[in-house]
Amino acid sequence: IDIKATPDQVWDVLMDVDKFHTWNPFHRRVDIIEREDGTILYGMHVNMGGLLGRIISKEEIFYVDPRRHIFCYGIGTGVPSSMRVFYITPRKNGDKTESTFHSYDIIGGY
């Protein structure tokens, strides 16, 4: 998705989990969960419609390249396994630096 904002601006919106639902209505709520062992989870409250209803997917954040890249993987009880990747690349638009936001999910079956 091409976005008319700098990569830093896009990253700031992506990290504001309290407002995540305002730009991604599929996710009703997002929580950052810090475990005692130092593991950080990305908890997503997702409406899966008639198939699964509302689920909470807790995915471990395995890799963060600040302001550019997030990789999460999760296996939960009663929810499909999932792998998510978000990353931002800068692009020039005349004299402005804007962004392309990339996101892909692989859900279940691996």
Foldseek 3Di string as FASTA:
>chain_A
DWDADALQVVLVLVPPQQCVCVVPVQFPGWDWDADPVRWIWIWTFGAPPPPQGTDIWTWTFDDDDPSFKTWTWGDDPSAWTKIKIWGWDWDDDDPDITIDIDIDMDTHDD
